[in-house]
């Protein structure tokens, strides 16, 4: 069993680069990033990083958006910029 998520090197949440309250970051890290694989493998950021190699900052570990909805939002933001 691993003690931390295998994607932390690619995750802006774990690196403290997201503009969200520090207590939320700590909660997410404790629940999703550290400990049992079953927790971090259920993280939406983990899933998107696994699929794309990166995860947009709008995605939180407990996001209810589907992977398809996230991909559509990424495409939409590229078109609108």
Protein backbone atom coordinates (compact mmCIF):
# COMPACT_ATOMS: atom_id res chain seq x y z
CA UNK A 1 0.00 0.00 0.00
CA UNK A 2 1.26 3.49 -0.86
CA UNK A 3 0.95 6.34 1.62
CA UNK A 4 0.39 9.11 -0.91
CA UNK A 5 -1.16 9.71 -4.30
CA UNK A 6 1.05 8.90 -7.26
CA UNK A 7 -0.09 12.11 -9.01
CA UNK A 8 0.94 14.68 -6.38
CA UNK A 9 3.83 15.92 -8.51
CA UNK A 10 1.37 16.98 -11.21
CA UNK A 11 -1.36 18.32 -8.92
CA UNK A 12 -1.63 22.07 -8.29
CA UNK A 13 -3.87 21.39 -5.30
CA UNK A 14 -1.20 19.37 -3.53
CA UNK A 15 1.46 21.89 -4.49
CA UNK A 16 -0.57 24.69 -2.89
CA UNK A 17 -0.98 26.57 -6.16
CA UNK A 18 -4.79 26.88 -6.09
CA UNK A 19 -6.50 29.93 -4.68
CA UNK A 20 -8.71 28.18 -2.15
CA UNK A 21 -8.75 28.47 1.65
CA UNK A 22 -5.84 26.73 3.35
CA UNK A 23 -8.14 24.70 5.60
CA UNK A 24 -9.82 23.27 2.49
CA UNK A 25 -6.44 22.34 1.01
CA UNK A 26 -5.48 20.57 4.24
CA UNK A 27 -8.79 18.67 4.31
CA UNK A 28 -8.46 17.60 0.67
CA UNK A 29 -4.85 16.52 1.19
CA UNK A 30 -5.68 14.50 4.30
CA UNK A 31 -8.69 12.82 2.77
CA UNK A 32 -7.65 12.31 -0.87
CA UNK A 33 -3.87 12.67 -1.23
CA UNK A 34 -2.51 10.80 1.76
CA UNK A 35 -3.33 7.35 3.04
CA UNK A 36 -5.07 4.53 1.25
CA UNK A 37 -5.09 4.18 -2.52
CA UNK A 38 -8.87 3.78 -2.53
CA UNK A 39 -9.20 7.42 -1.45
CA UNK A 40 -6.83 9.04 -3.90
CA UNK A 41 -7.98 6.89 -6.78
CA UNK A 42 -11.52 8.24 -6.18
CA UNK A 43 -10.26 11.83 -6.52
CA UNK A 44 -11.58 13.59 -9.63
CA UNK A 45 -8.25 15.41 -10.03
CA UNK A 46 -6.43 12.06 -9.97
CA UNK A 47 -8.75 10.73 -12.69
CA UNK A 48 -8.31 13.77 -14.94
CA UNK A 49 -4.52 13.84 -14.51
CA UNK A 50 -4.50 10.15 -15.37
CA UNK A 51 -6.51 10.89 -18.53
CA UNK A 52 -4.92 14.18 -19.68
CA UNK A 53 -1.61 14.43 -17.87
CA UNK A 54 -2.79 17.58 -16.07
CA UNK A 55 -5.87 18.84 -14.29
CA UNK A 56 -7.50 22.25 -14.67
CA UNK A 57 -7.64 24.29 -11.48
CA UNK A 58 -11.44 24.45 -11.48
CA UNK A 59 -11.65 20.72 -10.70
CA UNK A 60 -11.72 19.81 -7.02
CA UNK A 61 -11.15 16.27 -5.71
CA UNK A 62 -14.83 15.83 -4.88
CA UNK A 63 -16.15 17.40 -8.10
CA UNK A 64 -19.49 16.09 -9.29
CA UNK A 65 -18.65 16.93 -12.91
CA UNK A 66 -18.13 13.95 -15.17
CA UNK A 67 -14.89 13.56 -17.09
CA UNK A 68 -16.83 14.44 -20.24
CA UNK A 69 -18.19 17.65 -18.69
CA UNK A 70 -14.68 18.64 -17.60
CA UNK A 71 -13.30 17.96 -21.09
CA UNK A 72 -16.10 20.05 -22.63
CA UNK A 73 -15.35 22.91 -20.25
CA UNK A 74 -11.66 22.76 -21.15
CA UNK A 75 -12.51 22.89 -24.87
CA UNK A 76 -14.95 25.75 -24.33
CA UNK A 77 -12.38 27.80 -22.42
CA UNK A 78 -9.81 27.29 -25.21
CA UNK A 79 -12.32 28.52 -27.81
CA UNK A 80 -13.37 31.57 -25.77
CA UNK A 81 -9.77 32.69 -25.16
